[in-house]
Amino acid sequence: MNEVELRQTRELRAGDVLVNTTSRQYEVTRVRRIGRGIRVEYTTADGAAGRFTAAPEAAVRVLVAPMSHAA
């Protein structure tokens, strides 16, 4: 199972993978300030582009890359 963490929108970076409540994944391609908000541009698994604007303190679900554990 993939681990998901909550982050504030202001902490997003290009390359992060967002996960919605139905487990669909969206790769962040660009993050920029727009007035008081933050515009997040992304692509879906099938290549469709999309975007949303959120408050900097808004919570988003981000897929955490699995860490390798040395034995």
PDB file of N, CA and C in Angstrom:
ATOM      1  N   MET A   1       0.844  -1.183   0.000  1.00  0.00           N
ATOM      2  CA  MET A   1       0.000   0.000   0.000  1.00  0.00           C
ATOM      3  C   MET A   1       0.885   1.242   0.000  1.00  0.00           C
ATOM      4  N   ASN A   2       0.493   2.250  -0.755  1.00  0.00           N
ATOM      5  CA  ASN A   2       1.247   3.494  -0.821  1.00  0.00           C
ATOM      6  C   ASN A   2       0.901   4.385   0.361  1.00  0.00           C
ATOM      7  N   GLU A   3       1.902   5.062   0.863  1.00  0.00           N
ATOM      8  CA  GLU A   3       1.697   5.968   1.985  1.00  0.00           C
ATOM      9  C   GLU A   3       1.353   7.353   1.459  1.00  0.00           C
ATOM     10  N   VAL A   4       0.364   7.984   2.067  1.00  0.00           N
ATOM     11  CA  VAL A   4      -0.077   9.320   1.679  1.00  0.00           C
ATOM     12  C   VAL A   4       0.064  10.227   2.886  1.00  0.00           C
ATOM     13  N   GLU A   5       0.556  11.455   2.660  1.00  0.00           N
ATOM     14  CA  GLU A   5       0.660  12.419   3.751  1.00  0.00           C
ATOM     15  C   GLU A   5      -0.077  13.697   3.379  1.00  0.00           C
ATOM     16  N   LEU A   6      -0.506  14.426   4.383  1.00  0.00           N
ATOM     17  CA  LEU A   6      -1.139  15.716   4.159  1.00  0.00           C
ATOM     18  C   LEU A   6      -0.068  16.805   4.193  1.00  0.00           C
ATOM     19  N   ARG A   7      -0.121  17.704   3.209  1.00  0.00           N
ATOM     20  CA  ARG A   7       0.785  18.851   3.159  1.00  0.00           C
ATOM     21  C   ARG A   7      -0.039  20.092   2.872  1.00  0.00           C
ATOM     22  N   GLN A   8       0.532  21.235   3.193  1.00  0.00           N
ATOM     23  CA  GLN A   8      -0.094  22.483   2.794  1.00  0.00           C
ATOM     24  C   GLN A   8       0.253  22.749   1.329  1.00  0.00           C
ATOM     25  N   THR A   9      -0.647  23.416   0.641  1.00  0.00           N
ATOM     26  CA  THR A   9      -0.433  23.696  -0.782  1.00  0.00           C
ATOM     27  C   THR A   9       0.891  24.417  -1.012  1.00  0.00           C
ATOM     28  N   ARG A  10       1.286  25.294  -0.109  1.00  0.00           N
ATOM     29  CA  ARG A  10       2.536  26.044  -0.288  1.00  0.00           C
ATOM     30  C   ARG A  10       3.769  25.134  -0.290  1.00  0.00           C
ATOM     31  N   GLU A  11       3.645  23.892   0.181  1.00  0.00           N
ATOM     32  CA  GLU A  11       4.771  22.959   0.238  1.00  0.00           C
ATOM     33  C   GLU A  11       4.895  22.089  -1.008  1.00  0.00           C
ATOM     34  N   LEU A  12       3.951  22.219  -1.957  1.00  0.00           N
ATOM     35  CA  LEU A  12       3.999  21.400  -3.170  1.00  0.00           C
ATOM     36  C   LEU A  12       5.139  21.822  -4.086  1.00  0.00           C
ATOM     37  N   ARG A  13       5.684  20.863  -4.802  1.00  0.00           N
ATOM     38  CA  ARG A  13       6.743  21.095  -5.787  1.00  0.00           C
ATOM     39  C   ARG A  13       6.417  20.303  -7.042  1.00  0.00           C
ATOM     40  N   ALA A  14       6.940  20.739  -8.176  1.00  0.00           N
ATOM     41  CA  ALA A  14       6.778  19.981  -9.417  1.00  0.00           C
ATOM     42  C   ALA A  14       7.352  18.580  -9.201  1.00  0.00           C
ATOM     43  N   GLY A  15       6.635  17.572  -9.679  1.00  0.00           N
ATOM     44  CA  GLY A  15       7.052  16.191  -9.498  1.00  0.00           C
ATOM     45  C   GLY A  15       6.307  15.481  -8.376  1.00  0.00           C
ATOM     46  N   ASP A  16       5.703  16.235  -7.447  1.00  0.00           N
ATOM     47  CA  ASP A  16       4.887  15.608  -6.402  1.00  0.00           C
ATOM     48  C   ASP A  16       3.686  14.936  -7.054  1.00  0.00           C
ATOM     49  N   VAL A  17       3.174  13.896  -6.430  1.00  0.00           N
ATOM     50  CA  VAL A  17       2.005  13.188  -6.943  1.00  0.00           C
ATOM     51  C   VAL A  17       0.867  13.358  -5.938  1.00  0.00           C
ATOM     52  N   LEU A  18      -0.224  13.999  -6.391  1.00  0.00           N
ATOM     53  CA  LEU A  18      -1.400  14.188  -5.561  1.00  0.00           C
ATOM     54  C   LEU A  18      -2.301  12.969  -5.688  1.00  0.00           C
ATOM     55  N   VAL A  19      -3.024  12.656  -4.617  1.00  0.00           N
ATOM     56  CA  VAL A  19      -3.931  11.510  -4.603  1.00  0.00           C
ATOM     57  C   VAL A  19      -5.283  11.988  -4.084  1.00  0.00           C
ATOM     58  N   ASN A  20      -6.358  11.663  -4.831  1.00  0.00           N
ATOM     59  CA  ASN A  20      -7.676  12.053  -4.333  1.00  0.00           C
ATOM     60  C   ASN A  20      -8.273  10.924  -3.507  1.00  0.00           C
ATOM     61  N   THR A  21      -9.496  11.106  -3.037  1.00  0.00           N
ATOM     62  CA  THR A  21     -10.104  10.127  -2.132  1.00  0.00           C
ATOM     63  C   THR A  21     -10.441   8.805  -2.803  1.00  0.00           C
ATOM     64  N   THR A  22     -10.490   8.785  -4.139  1.00  0.00           N
ATOM     65  CA  THR A  22     -10.739   7.527  -4.856  1.00  0.00           C
ATOM     66  C   THR A  22      -9.439   6.920  -5.376  1.00  0.00           C
ATOM     67  N   SER A  23      -8.310   7.410  -4.875  1.00  0.00           N
ATOM     68  CA  SER A  23      -6.962   6.917  -5.189  1.00  0.00           C
ATOM     69  C   SER A  23      -6.468   7.238  -6.599  1.00  0.00           C
ATOM     70  N   ARG A  24      -7.133   8.146  -7.309  1.00  0.00           N
ATOM     71  CA  ARG A  24      -6.587   8.599  -8.599  1.00  0.00           C
ATOM     72  C   ARG A  24      -5.385   9.482  -8.322  1.00  0.00           C
ATOM     73  N   GLN A  25      -4.386   9.407  -9.211  1.00  0.00           N
ATOM     74  CA  GLN A  25      -3.142  10.142  -9.001  1.00  0.00           C
ATOM     75  C   GLN A  25      -2.955  11.225 -10.055  1.00  0.00           C
ATOM     76  N   TYR A  26      -2.375  12.345  -9.634  1.00  0.00           N
ATOM     77  CA  TYR A  26      -2.150  13.497 -10.485  1.00  0.00           C
ATOM     78  C   TYR A  26      -0.731  14.006 -10.242  1.00  0.00           C
ATOM     79  N   GLU A  27       0.085  14.074 -11.282  1.00  0.00           N
ATOM     80  CA  GLU A  27       1.449  14.552 -11.121  1.00  0.00           C
ATOM     81  C   GLU A  27       1.497  16.066 -11.276  1.00  0.00           C
ATOM     82  N   VAL A  28       2.062  16.737 -10.281  1.00  0.00           N
ATOM     83  CA  VAL A  28       2.185  18.194 -10.305  1.00  0.00           C
ATOM     84  C   VAL A  28       3.259  18.579 -11.317  1.00  0.00           C
ATOM     85  N   THR A  29       2.907  19.484 -12.246  1.00  0.00           N
ATOM     86  CA  THR A  29       3.862  19.923 -13.259  1.00  0.00           C
ATOM     87  C   THR A  29       4.364  21.342 -13.017  1.00  0.00           C
ATOM     88  N   ARG A  30       3.555  22.155 -12.319  1.00  0.00           N
ATOM     89  CA  ARG A  30       3.961  23.538 -12.065  1.00  0.00           C
ATOM     90  C   ARG A  30       3.191  24.078 -10.873  1.00  0.00           C
ATOM     91  N   VAL A  31       3.862  24.874 -10.054  1.00  0.00           N
ATOM     92  CA  VAL A  31       3.244  25.516  -8.894  1.00  0.00           C
ATOM     93  C   VAL A  31       3.661  26.983  -8.913  1.00  0.00           C
ATOM     94  N   ARG A  32       2.675  27.903  -8.810  1.00  0.00           N
ATOM     95  CA  ARG A  32       3.019  29.328  -8.794  1.00  0.00           C
ATOM     96  C   ARG A  32       1.990  30.124  -8.007  1.00  0.00           C
ATOM     97  N   ARG A  33       2.442  31.258  -7.494  1.00  0.00           N
ATOM     98  CA  ARG A  33       1.564  32.148  -6.735  1.00  0.00           C
ATOM     99  C   ARG A  33       0.665  32.908  -7.695  1.00  0.00           C
ATOM    100  N   ILE A  34      -0.603  33.016  -7.348  1.00  0.00           N
ATOM    101  CA  ILE A  34      -1.587  33.793  -8.102  1.00  0.00           C
ATOM    102  C   ILE A  34      -2.343  34.637  -7.080  1.00  0.00           C
ATOM    103  N   GLY A  35      -1.998  35.896  -6.978  1.00  0.00           N
ATOM    104  CA  GLY A  35      -2.636  36.741  -5.966  1.00  0.00           C
ATOM    105  C   GLY A  35      -2.369  36.178  -4.588  1.00  0.00           C
ATOM    106  N   ARG A  36      -3.425  35.895  -3.834  1.00  0.00           N
ATOM    107  CA  ARG A  36      -3.275  35.308  -2.497  1.00  0.00           C
ATOM    108  C   ARG A  36      -3.266  33.785  -2.535  1.00  0.00           C
ATOM    109  N   GLY A  37      -3.562  33.208  -3.685  1.00  0.00           N
ATOM    110  CA  GLY A  37      -3.646  31.752  -3.787  1.00  0.00           C
ATOM    111  C   GLY A  37      -2.431  31.142  -4.471  1.00  0.00           C
ATOM    112  N   ILE A  38      -2.496  29.843  -4.649  1.00  0.00           N
ATOM    113  CA  ILE A  38      -1.439  29.096  -5.331  1.00  0.00           C
ATOM    114  C   ILE A  38      -2.094  28.291  -6.443  1.00  0.00           C
ATOM    115  N   ARG A  39      -1.603  28.460  -7.673  1.00  0.00           N
ATOM    116  CA  ARG A  39      -2.107  27.723  -8.827  1.00  0.00           C
ATOM    117  C   ARG A  39      -1.268  26.467  -8.993  1.00  0.00           C
ATOM    118  N   VAL A  40      -1.926  25.325  -9.019  1.00  0.00           N
ATOM    119  CA  VAL A  40      -1.254  24.035  -9.183  1.00  0.00           C
ATOM    120  C   VAL A  40      -1.687  23.448 -10.522  1.00  0.00           C
ATOM    121  N   GLU A  41      -0.716  23.199 -11.403  1.00  0.00           N
ATOM    122  CA  GLU A  41      -1.003  22.563 -12.684  1.00  0.00           C
ATOM    123  C   GLU A  41      -0.542  21.113 -12.587  1.00  0.00           C
ATOM    124  N   TYR A  42      -1.293  20.204 -13.207  1.00  0.00           N
ATOM    125  CA  TYR A  42      -1.010  18.777 -13.078  1.00  0.00           C
ATOM    126  C   TYR A  42      -1.380  18.033 -14.352  1.00  0.00           C
ATOM    127  N   THR A  43      -0.928  16.780 -14.450  1.00  0.00           N
ATOM    128  CA  THR A  43      -1.354  15.879 -15.512  1.00  0.00           C
ATOM    129  C   THR A  43      -1.914  14.616 -14.866  1.00  0.00           C
ATOM    130  N   THR A  44      -2.894  14.026 -15.525  1.00  0.00           N
ATOM    131  CA  THR A  44      -3.487  12.784 -15.031  1.00  0.00           C
ATOM    132  C   THR A  44      -2.719  11.601 -15.613  1.00  0.00           C
ATOM    133  N   ALA A  45      -3.050  10.410 -15.168  1.00  0.00           N
ATOM    134  CA  ALA A  45      -2.379   9.198 -15.647  1.00  0.00           C
ATOM    135  C   ALA A  45      -2.582   8.996 -17.149  1.00  0.00           C
ATOM    136  N   ASP A  46      -3.714   9.462 -17.693  1.00  0.00           N
ATOM    137  CA  ASP A  46      -3.966   9.308 -19.124  1.00  0.00           C
ATOM    138  C   ASP A  46      -3.467  10.494 -19.949  1.00  0.00           C
ATOM    139  N   GLY A  47      -2.731  11.427 -19.311  1.00  0.00           N
ATOM    140  CA  GLY A  47      -2.089  12.529 -20.022  1.00  0.00           C
ATOM    141  C   GLY A  47      -2.882  13.819 -20.112  1.00  0.00           C
ATOM    142  N   ALA A  48      -4.085  13.856 -19.564  1.00  0.00           N
ATOM    143  CA  ALA A  48      -4.886  15.078 -19.593  1.00  0.00           C
ATOM    144  C   ALA A  48      -4.314  16.102 -18.606  1.00  0.00           C
ATOM    145  N   ALA A  49      -4.306  17.367 -19.022  1.00  0.00           N
ATOM    146  CA  ALA A  49      -3.796  18.436 -18.158  1.00  0.00           C
ATOM    147  C   ALA A  49      -4.949  19.070 -17.391  1.00  0.00           C
ATOM    148  N   GLY A  50      -4.647  19.581 -16.212  1.00  0.00           N
ATOM    149  CA  GLY A  50      -5.641  20.262 -15.404  1.00  0.00           C
ATOM    150  C   GLY A  50      -4.965  21.230 -14.459  1.00  0.00           C
ATOM    151  N   ARG A  51      -5.755  21.998 -13.742  1.00  0.00           N
ATOM    152  CA  ARG A  51      -5.206  22.946 -12.765  1.00  0.00           C
ATOM    153  C   ARG A  51      -6.263  23.283 -11.733  1.00  0.00           C
ATOM    154  N   PHE A  52      -5.786  23.738 -10.592  1.00  0.00           N
ATOM    155  CA  PHE A  52      -6.674  24.260  -9.565  1.00  0.00           C
ATOM    156  C   PHE A  52      -5.930  25.341  -8.801  1.00  0.00           C
ATOM    157  N   THR A  53      -6.696  26.198  -8.140  1.00  0.00           N
ATOM    158  CA  THR A  53      -6.123  27.249  -7.310  1.00  0.00           C
ATOM    159  C   THR A  53      -6.599  27.006  -5.886  1.00  0.00           C
ATOM    160  N   ALA A  54      -5.673  27.093  -4.937  1.00  0.00           N
ATOM    161  CA  ALA A  54      -6.016  26.834  -3.538  1.00  0.00           C
ATOM    162  C   ALA A  54      -5.320  27.851  -2.644  1.00  0.00           C
ATOM    163  N   ALA A  55      -5.823  27.986  -1.439  1.00  0.00           N
ATOM    164  CA  ALA A  55      -5.172  28.831  -0.444  1.00  0.00           C
ATOM    165  C   ALA A  55      -3.846  28.187  -0.046  1.00  0.00           C
ATOM    166  N   PRO A  56      -2.835  28.986   0.290  1.00  0.00           N
ATOM    167  CA  PRO A  56      -1.531  28.430   0.660  1.00  0.00           C
ATOM    168  C   PRO A  56      -1.586  27.449   1.829  1.00  0.00           C
ATOM    169  N   GLU A  57      -2.535  27.633   2.753  1.00  0.00           N
ATOM    170  CA  GLU A  57      -2.618  26.765   3.919  1.00  0.00           C
ATOM    171  C   GLU A  57      -3.577  25.585   3.717  1.00  0.00           C
ATOM    172  N   ALA A  58      -4.157  25.451   2.536  1.00  0.00           N
ATOM    173  CA  ALA A  58      -5.068  24.339   2.254  1.00  0.00           C
ATOM    174  C   ALA A  58      -4.311  23.008   2.303  1.00  0.00           C
ATOM    175  N   ALA A  59      -4.982  21.964   2.774  1.00  0.00           N
ATOM    176  CA  ALA A  59      -4.359  20.638   2.869  1.00  0.00           C
ATOM    177  C   ALA A  59      -4.564  19.868   1.570  1.00  0.00           C
ATOM    178  N   VAL A  60      -3.510  19.197   1.128  1.00  0.00           N
ATOM    179  CA  VAL A  60      -3.576  18.332  -0.050  1.00  0.00           C
ATOM    180  C   VAL A  60      -2.960  16.984   0.316  1.00  0.00           C
ATOM    181  N   ARG A  61      -3.431  15.921  -0.356  1.00  0.00           N
ATOM    182  CA  ARG A  61      -2.926  14.567  -0.115  1.00  0.00           C
ATOM    183  C   ARG A  61      -1.821  14.287  -1.120  1.00  0.00           C
ATOM    184  N   VAL A  62      -0.608  13.957  -0.626  1.00  0.00           N
ATOM    185  CA  VAL A  62       0.550  13.748  -1.483  1.00  0.00           C
ATOM    186  C   VAL A  62       1.088  12.325  -1.263  1.00  0.00           C
ATOM    187  N   LEU A  63       1.352  11.638  -2.369  1.00  0.00           N
ATOM    188  CA  LEU A  63       1.920  10.292  -2.314  1.00  0.00           C
ATOM    189  C   LEU A  63       3.362  10.394  -1.855  1.00  0.00           C
ATOM    190  N   VAL A  64       3.730   9.584  -0.871  1.00  0.00           N
ATOM    191  CA  VAL A  64       5.091   9.592  -0.336  1.00  0.00           C
ATOM    192  C   VAL A  64       5.880   8.508  -1.052  1.00  0.00           C
ATOM    193  N   ALA A  65       7.042   8.853  -1.581  1.00  0.00           N
ATOM    194  CA  ALA A  65       7.886   7.873  -2.260  1.00  0.00           C
ATOM    195  C   ALA A  65       8.349   6.837  -1.242  1.00  0.00           C
ATOM    196  N   PRO A  66       8.271   5.557  -1.610  1.00  0.00           N
ATOM    197  CA  PRO A  66       8.720   4.517  -0.662  1.00  0.00           C
ATOM    198  C   PRO A  66      10.209   4.646  -0.394  1.00  0.00           C
ATOM    199  N   MET A  67      10.572   4.506   0.856  1.00  0.00           N
ATOM    200  CA  MET A  67      11.978   4.607   1.239  1.00  0.00           C
ATOM    201  C   MET A  67      12.579   3.201   1.279  1.00  0.00           C
ATOM    202  N   SER A  68      13.825   3.098   0.852  1.00  0.00           N
ATOM    203  CA  SER A  68      14.484   1.787   0.927  1.00  0.00           C
ATOM    204  C   SER A  68      15.043   1.620   2.335  1.00  0.00           C
ATOM    205  N   HIS A  69      14.909   0.434   2.857  1.00  0.00           N
ATOM    206  CA  HIS A  69      15.405   0.125   4.201  1.00  0.00           C
ATOM    207  C   HIS A  69      16.565  -0.837   4.095  1.00  0.00           C
ATOM    208  N   ALA A  70      17.688  -0.453   4.661  1.00  0.00           N
ATOM    209  CA  ALA A  70      18.849  -1.328   4.668  1.00  0.00           C
ATOM    210  C   ALA A  70      18.727  -2.296   5.841  1.00  0.00           C
ATOM    211  N   ALA A  71      19.066  -3.538   5.598  1.00  0.00           N
ATOM    212  CA  ALA A  71      18.950  -4.551   6.667  1.00  0.00           C
ATOM    213  C   ALA A  71      20.223  -4.625   7.484  1.00  0.00           C
TER     214      ALA A  71
END
